[in-house]
Amino acid sequence: MAGSDPTGQIAALPFAAVKVLLVTMYFPPAGGGGVQRSLKLAQYLPALGVETHVLAPDDPKWVHRDPELRVPTQAWIHRARYIGPRGRKPAEELRATDGLQRALVQAQVTARRLLLPDASVTWNLTAIPAAIRIAKREGIDVVITTSPPGSVHFVGAAVQRASGTRWIADLRDPLVANQHRRDDTAAARARQAANEQIARLVARNADAVTCVSEAIADEVRGLGARGPVRVIANGCDFDDFAGLEYEPAPRFRITHTGSFFGKRDPRPFLQAFHDAGLDAVARFVGDFRSSDREWAEALDLGDRLEIVDYLPRADSLRFQRDSEALLLLVPDAGGRGRGVLSGKVFEYIAAGRPILAVVPPDGAAADLVRETGSGVVVAPDDVDGIRAALVELHAQFANGGLPSVELATRDEERLSRRARVEEMAALIEELA
């Protein structure tokens, strides 16, 4: 297995002949958190001696674009045309329209929801033949498909069947017990049934399955996976924060970056922030739902609430680093949120600022925050507990400031994104 040499560079693995095809729906020019796992694999695998090919859409029509993200120069990037519908924020679009325009948007949203198992499934029409051609032409040893969306795994199954290439299914979200997925409509139940079929396809056919958390791995193992199921969590991108400085501000600033969707709810925090009555600023950078914005405005927080629209990742990281504290929100979602260990947790740890983790206290995110000493944990619906944590953080800020969180060298090495890619490279070596 590979390691790092004394200079901090990745030592190459001794199997330079291995060739990998990484199939991903989210890759630059797309932006947002879902891009990072694929991007880092494409960045670090070549440095480990793995010839890396990436198949991604020419334009995934995703709701976020980030032209500042650099595409790795040591990986071969292939594009397959995406002919599906564009990504949408239906609730926001419907609120902004009326009359015939609203009816048109509703029809488009409904049509998108009728696609099973997800709206990106139409990419398979071009991605499957492209992936098979690449696998045969380049002599690909291992194909990796990374979800969401779940439909990307059809590509891995097709390549495996057509060329005998070994297949790793990489799961960033659960295929079945997704904490954000609805189940209260016929369409939602149909989509759930389709995702369960994908989960069985992955379990029965993938040569290996990698998962970002133990909860997802347990789900796959429960389906009787035929190959090894490994937890390869997301990692900390410490290098991405190089040169970003923290400058103490006159007022305490707590920052949340990322999108609000599904069951992620800022309202208990906002109520606690209001009740605390502190001279502080709560900053939300990214997608903030109009309904939440209106609810927040009713609290009359004035200049204590700052809402910033979606920013490129570099700017988002700058906001994180230049904050007194960071706000992490993971819903309980009937217990399904306990297993969530998103890339945002690791990103916040890499930022080095104290974290207020409003997450299930007995969940994976809470365990990591406690283990690294990077913050304080409060249950998502505990308004009084959130208020008390805010008061304590503010008191520390007022009495000398909040120092940066310093990880032990062992923890920094263990949690780094490069270490995670080394784990993936070792699995590739086993299968190739």
Protein backbone atom coordinates (compact mmCIF):
# COMPACT_ATOMS: atom_id res chain seq x y z
CA MET A 1 0.00 0.00 0.00
CA ALA A 2 1.16 3.53 -0.73
CA GLY A 3 2.23 6.07 1.85
CA SER A 4 3.69 9.56 2.00
CA ASP A 5 7.40 10.23 1.71
CA PRO A 6 9.21 12.50 4.20
CA THR A 7 8.74 15.54 1.94
CA GLY A 8 4.97 15.21 2.19
CA GLN A 9 4.55 14.00 -1.40
CA ILE A 10 2.55 10.87 -2.15
CA ALA A 11 4.75 7.86 -2.76
CA ALA A 12 3.73 6.04 -5.95
CA LEU A 13 2.16 2.64 -5.65
CA PRO A 14 4.06 -0.22 -7.31
CA PHE A 15 1.41 -0.99 -9.94
CA ALA A 16 1.69 1.75 -12.55
CA ALA A 17 0.10 -0.49 -15.20
CA VAL A 18 -3.30 -0.41 -13.47
CA LYS A 19 -5.91 1.61 -15.35
CA VAL A 20 -9.07 3.01 -13.79
CA LEU A 21 -12.17 4.60 -15.31
CA LEU A 22 -14.01 6.87 -12.85
CA VAL A 23 -17.61 7.56 -13.92
CA THR A 24 -19.20 10.54 -12.21
CA MET A 25 -22.17 12.78 -12.87
CA TYR A 26 -20.72 15.68 -10.87
CA PHE A 27 -17.43 17.02 -12.14
CA PRO A 28 -16.28 20.51 -13.16
CA PRO A 29 -17.75 22.70 -14.58
CA ALA A 30 -20.39 21.55 -12.04
CA GLY A 31 -19.98 23.02 -8.58
CA GLY A 32 -21.11 22.11 -5.07
CA GLY A 33 -20.04 19.60 -2.48
CA GLY A 34 -20.82 16.52 -4.58
CA VAL A 35 -17.95 17.32 -6.95
CA GLN A 36 -15.13 17.01 -4.43
CA ARG A 37 -14.84 13.24 -3.96
CA SER A 38 -14.54 12.59 -7.70
CA LEU A 39 -12.24 15.56 -8.18
CA LYS A 40 -9.84 14.43 -5.45
CA LEU A 41 -9.76 10.86 -6.77
CA ALA A 42 -8.85 12.22 -10.20
CA GLN A 43 -6.20 14.44 -8.61
CA TYR A 44 -4.46 11.94 -6.33
CA LEU A 45 -4.81 8.54 -8.03
CA PRO A 46 -2.37 9.45 -10.85
CA ALA A 47 0.18 10.51 -8.25
CA LEU A 48 -0.13 7.02 -6.81
CA GLY A 49 0.79 5.42 -10.11
CA VAL A 50 -2.76 4.66 -11.27
CA GLU A 51 -3.57 5.63 -14.86
CA THR A 52 -6.82 7.47 -14.31
CA HIS A 53 -9.57 8.14 -16.83
CA VAL A 54 -12.67 10.14 -15.91
CA LEU A 55 -16.01 9.98 -17.75
CA ALA A 56 -18.30 12.91 -16.94
CA PRO A 57 -21.07 14.82 -18.71
CA ASP A 58 -20.15 17.63 -21.07
CA ASP A 59 -22.58 19.74 -19.05
CA PRO A 60 -24.59 18.09 -16.25
CA LYS A 61 -26.95 21.09 -16.24
CA TRP A 62 -26.52 21.18 -12.47
CA VAL A 63 -27.89 24.08 -10.45
CA HIS A 64 -24.36 25.17 -9.50
CA ARG A 65 -21.34 25.88 -11.66
CA ASP A 66 -17.83 26.59 -10.46
CA PRO A 67 -15.53 27.64 -13.31
CA GLU A 68 -12.71 28.20 -10.83
CA LEU A 69 -12.33 24.50 -10.01
CA ARG A 70 -9.24 23.07 -11.64
CA VAL A 71 -9.54 19.84 -13.60
CA PRO A 72 -6.57 17.57 -12.80
CA THR A 73 -4.02 17.60 -15.62
CA GLN A 74 -2.64 14.11 -14.91
CA ALA A 75 -5.98 12.34 -15.50
CA TRP A 76 -7.59 11.65 -18.88
CA ILE A 77 -10.94 13.45 -19.02
CA HIS A 78 -13.64 12.09 -21.33
CA ARG A 79 -17.03 13.70 -21.87
CA ALA A 80 -20.36 12.15 -22.85
CA ARG A 81 -23.20 14.39 -23.85
CA TYR A 82 -25.90 14.85 -21.23
CA ILE A 83 -29.35 15.03 -22.82
CA GLY A 84 -31.43 15.01 -19.65
CA PRO A 85 -33.31 17.76 -17.83
CA ARG A 86 -31.46 20.48 -15.99
CA GLY A 87 -31.20 20.50 -12.24
CA ARG A 88 -33.92 22.48 -10.52
CA LYS A 89 -34.94 24.01 -7.23
CA PRO A 90 -38.67 23.43 -7.76
CA ALA A 91 -40.00 25.08 -4.62
CA GLU A 92 -38.04 28.26 -5.38
CA GLU A 93 -39.08 28.31 -9.03
CA LEU A 94 -42.75 27.80 -8.22
CA ARG A 95 -42.74 30.58 -5.62
CA ALA A 96 -41.33 32.99 -8.20
CA THR A 97 -43.97 32.37 -10.89
CA ASP A 98 -47.71 32.53 -11.37
CA GLY A 99 -50.34 31.91 -14.02
CA LEU A 100 -49.22 30.14 -17.21
CA GLN A 101 -45.56 30.38 -16.28
CA ARG A 102 -46.23 28.58 -13.01
CA ALA A 103 -48.17 25.87 -14.83
CA LEU A 104 -45.26 25.40 -17.25
CA VAL A 105 -42.72 25.12 -14.41
CA GLN A 106 -44.99 22.64 -12.61
CA ALA A 107 -45.24 20.51 -15.75
CA GLN A 108 -41.45 20.52 -16.15
CA VAL A 109 -40.93 19.60 -12.52
CA THR A 110 -43.48 16.79 -12.76
CA ALA A 111 -41.88 15.41 -15.92
CA ARG A 112 -38.49 15.40 -14.21
CA ARG A 113 -39.88 13.53 -11.22
CA LEU A 114 -41.33 10.83 -13.47
CA LEU A 115 -37.85 9.74 -14.50
CA LEU A 116 -36.79 6.67 -12.50
CA PRO A 117 -34.73 6.07 -10.49
CA ASP A 118 -33.67 9.73 -10.80
CA ALA A 119 -33.72 12.61 -13.23
CA SER A 120 -30.15 11.88 -14.41
CA VAL A 121 -30.96 8.40 -15.73
CA THR A 122 -31.07 9.69 -19.33
CA TRP A 123 -27.28 10.21 -19.21
CA ASN A 124 -26.97 6.44 -19.51
CA LEU A 125 -27.98 6.71 -23.17
CA THR A 126 -24.62 8.29 -23.97
CA ALA A 127 -22.55 7.35 -20.92
CA ILE A 128 -22.91 3.56 -21.23
CA PRO A 129 -21.65 3.27 -24.83
CA ALA A 130 -18.91 5.83 -24.14
CA ALA A 131 -17.75 3.96 -21.03
CA ILE A 132 -17.68 0.63 -22.85
CA ARG A 133 -15.63 2.13 -25.70
CA ILE A 134 -13.15 3.67 -23.27
CA ALA A 135 -12.85 0.45 -21.27
CA LYS A 136 -12.09 -1.64 -24.36
CA ARG A 137 -9.85 0.90 -26.12
CA GLU A 138 -7.77 1.79 -23.05
CA GLY A 139 -7.69 -1.65 -21.45
CA ILE A 140 -9.36 -0.43 -18.26
CA ASP A 141 -8.85 -2.77 -15.30
CA VAL A 142 -11.35 -1.24 -12.84
CA VAL A 143 -14.38 1.00 -13.38
CA ILE A 144 -15.56 3.10 -10.44
CA THR A 145 -19.06 4.57 -10.45
CA THR A 146 -19.78 7.11 -7.74
CA SER A 147 -23.28 8.11 -6.64
CA PRO A 148 -25.48 10.08 -6.28
CA PRO A 149 -27.22 9.88 -8.62
CA GLY A 150 -27.91 6.18 -8.19
CA SER A 151 -28.52 5.67 -11.90
CA VAL A 152 -24.78 6.09 -12.57
CA HIS A 153 -24.31 2.51 -11.37
CA PHE A 154 -26.02 1.22 -14.51
CA VAL A 155 -22.84 2.34 -16.29
CA GLY A 156 -20.64 0.21 -14.04
CA ALA A 157 -22.83 -2.85 -14.47
CA ALA A 158 -22.84 -2.41 -18.26
CA VAL A 159 -19.06 -2.02 -18.51
CA GLN A 160 -18.53 -5.05 -16.28
CA ARG A 161 -20.84 -7.16 -18.45
CA ALA A 162 -19.46 -5.95 -21.80
CA SER A 163 -15.73 -6.02 -21.11
CA GLY A 164 -15.13 -8.08 -17.96
CA THR A 165 -13.77 -4.99 -16.20
CA ARG A 166 -13.92 -5.16 -12.41
CA TRP A 167 -16.50 -2.79 -10.91
CA ILE A 168 -16.35 -0.69 -7.73
CA ALA A 169 -19.60 1.03 -6.75
CA ASP A 170 -18.81 4.09 -4.61
CA LEU A 171 -21.73 5.33 -2.46
CA ARG A 172 -21.69 8.86 -1.06
CA ASP A 173 -25.34 8.61 0.06
CA PRO A 174 -27.51 5.61 1.00
CA LEU A 175 -29.35 4.07 -1.91
CA VAL A 176 -32.28 3.04 0.30
CA ALA A 177 -32.42 4.89 3.65
CA ASN A 178 -31.69 8.40 2.43
CA GLN A 179 -32.35 10.93 5.18
CA HIS A 180 -33.62 13.57 2.74
CA ARG A 181 -35.87 11.41 0.55
CA ARG A 182 -39.63 11.80 0.77
CA ASP A 183 -42.00 8.83 0.96
CA ASP A 184 -45.36 10.57 1.19
CA THR A 185 -46.41 10.53 -2.48
CA ALA A 186 -46.91 7.84 -5.12
CA ALA A 187 -44.05 9.29 -7.18
CA ALA A 188 -41.73 9.28 -4.17
CA ARG A 189 -42.62 5.68 -3.38
CA ALA A 190 -41.98 4.68 -7.00
CA ARG A 191 -38.59 6.34 -6.86
CA GLN A 192 -37.83 4.59 -3.60
CA ALA A 193 -38.70 1.22 -5.15
CA ALA A 194 -36.42 1.98 -8.11
CA ASN A 195 -33.55 2.89 -5.78
CA GLU A 196 -34.03 -0.37 -3.92
CA GLN A 197 -33.59 -2.18 -7.24
CA ILE A 198 -30.34 -0.30 -7.85
CA ALA A 199 -29.18 -1.24 -4.35
CA ARG A 200 -29.78 -4.91 -5.14
CA LEU A 201 -28.01 -4.55 -8.50
CA VAL A 202 -24.98 -3.07 -6.75
CA ALA A 203 -24.95 -5.67 -3.98
CA ARG A 204 -25.30 -8.63 -6.34
CA ASN A 205 -22.96 -7.54 -9.11
CA ALA A 206 -20.30 -5.05 -7.98
CA ASP A 207 -16.90 -6.62 -7.34
CA ALA A 208 -16.54 -4.23 -4.39
CA VAL A 209 -18.55 -1.45 -2.78
CA THR A 210 -17.05 1.58 -1.07
CA CYS A 211 -19.12 3.76 1.26
CA VAL A 212 -18.49 7.07 2.99
CA SER A 213 -19.94 5.84 6.30
CA GLU A 214 -20.57 2.69 8.32
CA ALA A 215 -24.34 3.20 8.09
CA ILE A 216 -24.25 3.00 4.28
CA ALA A 217 -21.93 -0.01 4.45
CA ASP A 218 -24.30 -1.80 6.83
CA GLU A 219 -27.16 -1.17 4.39
CA VAL A 220 -25.20 -2.80 1.55
CA ARG A 221 -24.04 -5.72 3.68
CA GLY A 222 -27.66 -6.33 4.67
CA LEU A 223 -28.45 -6.87 1.00
CA GLY A 224 -25.95 -9.72 0.79
CA ALA A 225 -23.14 -8.04 -1.12
CA ARG A 226 -21.10 -10.49 -3.19
CA GLY A 227 -17.84 -8.56 -2.87
CA PRO A 228 -16.02 -6.69 -0.11
CA VAL A 229 -17.76 -3.64 1.35
CA ARG A 230 -15.27 -1.03 2.56
CA VAL A 231 -15.78 2.25 4.37
CA ILE A 232 -13.67 4.93 2.70
CA ALA A 233 -14.87 8.12 4.30
CA ASN A 234 -14.53 11.58 2.86
CA GLY A 235 -11.38 13.38 3.94
CA CYS A 236 -9.99 16.73 4.99
CA ASP A 237 -8.57 18.90 2.22
CA PHE A 238 -6.03 20.72 4.37
CA ASP A 239 -4.10 21.99 1.35
CA ASP A 240 -7.20 23.80 0.08
CA PHE A 241 -7.03 26.13 3.09
CA ALA A 242 -3.35 27.01 2.59
CA GLY A 243 -2.91 30.77 2.63
CA LEU A 244 -6.40 31.47 3.99
CA GLU A 245 -6.19 33.49 7.19
CA TYR A 246 -8.47 34.02 10.17
CA GLU A 247 -8.77 37.64 11.24
CA PRO A 248 -10.71 38.15 14.52
CA ALA A 249 -13.70 40.43 13.98
CA PRO A 250 -15.30 42.90 16.40
CA ARG A 251 -18.45 40.75 16.42
CA PHE A 252 -18.74 37.00 16.83
CA ARG A 253 -19.47 35.35 13.43
CA ILE A 254 -20.83 31.84 13.06
CA THR A 255 -21.02 30.57 9.48
CA HIS A 256 -22.92 27.82 7.70
CA THR A 257 -21.94 26.98 4.13
CA GLY A 258 -23.91 24.70 1.84
CA SER A 259 -27.41 24.09 0.56
CA PHE A 260 -30.69 23.57 2.38
CA PHE A 261 -32.76 20.76 0.97
CA GLY A 262 -34.84 17.86 2.17
CA LYS A 263 -35.08 17.75 5.95
CA ARG A 264 -32.13 20.04 6.73
CA ASP A 265 -33.64 22.74 8.92
CA PRO A 266 -32.06 26.01 10.13
CA ARG A 267 -35.04 27.05 12.25
CA PRO A 268 -34.10 25.55 15.64
CA PHE A 269 -30.69 27.22 15.36
CA LEU A 270 -32.21 30.54 14.30
CA GLN A 271 -34.67 30.44 17.19
CA ALA A 272 -31.82 29.72 19.61
CA PHE A 273 -29.73 32.49 18.06
CA HIS A 274 -32.65 34.90 18.51
CA ASP A 275 -33.23 33.80 22.09
CA ALA A 276 -29.57 34.17 23.01
CA GLY A 277 -29.70 37.89 22.21
CA LEU A 278 -25.98 38.06 21.50
CA ASP A 279 -24.14 40.78 19.62
CA ALA A 280 -23.20 38.31 16.90
CA VAL A 281 -23.74 37.53 13.23
CA ALA A 282 -25.12 34.29 11.80
CA ARG A 283 -23.95 33.87 8.20
CA PHE A 284 -25.51 31.43 5.73
CA VAL A 285 -23.53 31.00 2.52
CA GLY A 286 -25.24 29.01 -0.24
CA ASP A 287 -28.81 28.06 -1.05
CA PHE A 288 -31.21 29.32 1.62
CA ARG A 289 -34.85 28.45 0.98
CA SER A 290 -37.27 31.35 0.57
CA SER A 291 -39.58 29.83 3.18
CA ASP A 292 -36.72 29.72 5.71
CA ARG A 293 -35.70 33.25 4.80
CA GLU A 294 -39.22 34.54 5.47
CA TRP A 295 -39.34 32.64 8.76
CA ALA A 296 -35.98 34.12 9.76
CA GLU A 297 -37.09 37.64 8.83
CA ALA A 298 -40.05 37.28 11.19
CA LEU A 299 -37.54 36.96 14.04
CA ASP A 300 -36.40 40.51 13.26
CA LEU A 301 -32.70 39.70 13.56
CA GLY A 302 -31.68 42.74 11.53
CA ASP A 303 -27.96 42.95 10.81
CA ARG A 304 -27.35 39.88 12.97
CA LEU A 305 -28.40 37.69 10.04
CA GLU A 306 -26.38 37.61 6.82
CA ILE A 307 -27.49 35.51 3.84
CA VAL A 308 -25.04 35.08 0.96
CA ASP A 309 -25.97 33.35 -2.29
CA TYR A 310 -24.03 30.37 -3.64
CA LEU A 311 -20.32 31.07 -4.08
CA PRO A 312 -17.49 29.20 -5.84
CA ARG A 313 -15.76 26.79 -3.49
CA ALA A 314 -12.66 28.96 -3.06
CA ASP A 315 -14.81 31.80 -1.73
CA SER A 316 -16.80 29.45 0.47
CA LEU A 317 -13.59 28.15 2.05
CA ARG A 318 -12.50 31.74 2.67
CA PHE A 319 -15.72 32.41 4.57
CA GLN A 320 -15.20 29.26 6.64
CA ARG A 321 -11.67 30.08 7.62
CA ASP A 322 -12.51 33.70 8.45
CA SER A 323 -15.21 32.87 11.01
CA GLU A 324 -15.22 32.66 14.77
CA ALA A 325 -17.19 29.39 14.59
CA LEU A 326 -18.82 27.11 12.01
CA LEU A 327 -22.35 25.73 12.05
CA LEU A 328 -22.94 22.10 11.04
CA LEU A 329 -26.53 20.95 10.57
CA VAL A 330 -27.54 17.31 10.15
CA PRO A 331 -31.21 16.37 10.67
CA ASP A 332 -32.19 13.35 12.74
CA ALA A 333 -34.74 12.34 10.06
CA GLY A 334 -36.28 9.56 12.10
CA GLY A 335 -32.87 8.15 13.00
CA ARG A 336 -31.53 8.11 9.44
CA GLY A 337 -29.32 11.12 10.09
CA ARG A 338 -27.22 9.27 12.64
CA GLY A 339 -25.15 7.60 9.96
CA VAL A 340 -24.50 10.76 7.95
CA LEU A 341 -20.83 11.67 7.65
CA SER A 342 -20.83 14.18 4.81
CA GLY A 343 -17.87 15.87 3.21
CA LYS A 344 -18.91 19.08 4.97
CA VAL A 345 -17.85 17.65 8.34
CA PHE A 346 -14.32 17.05 7.07
CA GLU A 347 -14.24 20.41 5.29
CA TYR A 348 -15.09 22.20 8.53
CA ILE A 349 -12.43 20.26 10.43
CA ALA A 350 -9.87 21.26 7.80
CA ALA A 351 -10.93 24.91 8.18
CA GLY A 352 -9.64 24.79 11.74
CA ARG A 353 -12.39 26.87 13.37
CA PRO A 354 -14.55 25.61 16.29
CA ILE A 355 -17.68 23.78 15.14
CA LEU A 356 -21.16 24.02 16.62
CA ALA A 357 -22.42 20.62 15.49
CA VAL A 358 -26.22 20.57 15.58
CA VAL A 359 -26.40 16.89 14.75
CA PRO A 360 -27.74 13.62 16.21
CA PRO A 361 -25.65 13.26 19.40
CA ASP A 362 -25.30 9.50 18.93
CA GLY A 363 -24.39 9.74 15.25
CA ALA A 364 -21.27 9.50 13.12
CA ALA A 365 -20.78 13.25 12.71
CA ALA A 366 -21.02 13.80 16.47
CA ASP A 367 -18.48 11.05 17.11
CA LEU A 368 -15.97 12.61 14.70
CA VAL A 369 -16.38 16.12 16.14
CA ARG A 370 -15.82 14.80 19.66
CA GLU A 371 -12.96 12.52 18.63
CA THR A 372 -11.03 15.36 17.02
CA GLY A 373 -11.91 17.92 19.70
CA SER A 374 -13.10 20.23 16.96
CA GLY A 375 -16.33 21.48 18.51
CA VAL A 376 -19.43 21.02 20.62
CA VAL A 377 -22.39 18.74 19.84
CA VAL A 378 -26.08 19.58 20.38
CA ALA A 379 -29.17 17.67 19.25
CA PRO A 380 -30.92 19.15 16.16
CA ASP A 381 -34.19 19.95 17.98
CA ASP A 382 -32.67 21.14 21.28
CA VAL A 383 -33.24 24.90 21.05
CA ASP A 384 -32.19 25.52 24.66
CA GLY A 385 -29.05 23.44 24.20
CA ILE A 386 -28.12 25.32 21.02
CA ARG A 387 -28.69 28.65 22.79
CA ALA A 388 -26.45 27.59 25.70
CA ALA A 389 -23.71 26.47 23.31
CA LEU A 390 -23.87 29.80 21.48
CA VAL A 391 -23.63 31.73 24.74
CA GLU A 392 -20.59 29.69 25.78
CA LEU A 393 -18.83 30.15 22.43
CA HIS A 394 -19.55 33.88 22.52
CA ALA A 395 -18.21 34.13 26.07
CA GLN A 396 -14.96 32.48 25.03
CA PHE A 397 -14.73 34.87 22.09
CA ALA A 398 -15.28 37.88 24.36
CA ASN A 399 -12.73 36.65 26.91
CA GLY A 400 -9.62 36.30 24.80
CA GLY A 401 -10.93 34.85 21.53
CA LEU A 402 -11.53 31.42 20.10
CA PRO A 403 -8.27 29.78 19.00
CA SER A 404 -8.04 27.65 15.91
CA VAL A 405 -8.57 23.92 16.29
CA GLU A 406 -5.24 22.11 16.00
CA LEU A 407 -5.34 18.41 15.19
CA ALA A 408 -2.71 15.98 16.33
CA THR A 409 -0.31 15.09 13.50
CA ARG A 410 -1.56 11.51 13.57
CA ASP A 411 -5.17 12.64 13.16
CA GLU A 412 -4.31 15.08 10.39
CA GLU A 413 -2.56 12.36 8.41
CA ARG A 414 -5.31 9.83 9.05
CA LEU A 415 -8.13 12.17 8.05
CA SER A 416 -6.50 13.72 5.00
CA ARG A 417 -8.12 13.28 1.61
CA ARG A 418 -4.87 11.83 0.29
CA ALA A 419 -5.01 9.07 2.88
CA ARG A 420 -8.53 8.20 1.73
CA VAL A 421 -7.41 8.01 -1.89
CA GLU A 422 -4.62 5.69 -0.81
CA GLU A 423 -7.29 3.41 0.66
CA MET A 424 -9.13 3.43 -2.67
CA ALA A 425 -5.88 2.73 -4.52
CA ALA A 426 -5.19 -0.27 -2.28
CA LEU A 427 -8.65 -1.68 -3.08
CA ILE A 428 -8.04 -1.11 -6.81
CA GLU A 429 -4.78 -3.07 -6.46
CA GLU A 430 -6.67 -5.97 -4.85
CA LEU A 431 -9.16 -6.16 -7.70
CA ALA A 432 -6.91 -5.45 -10.71
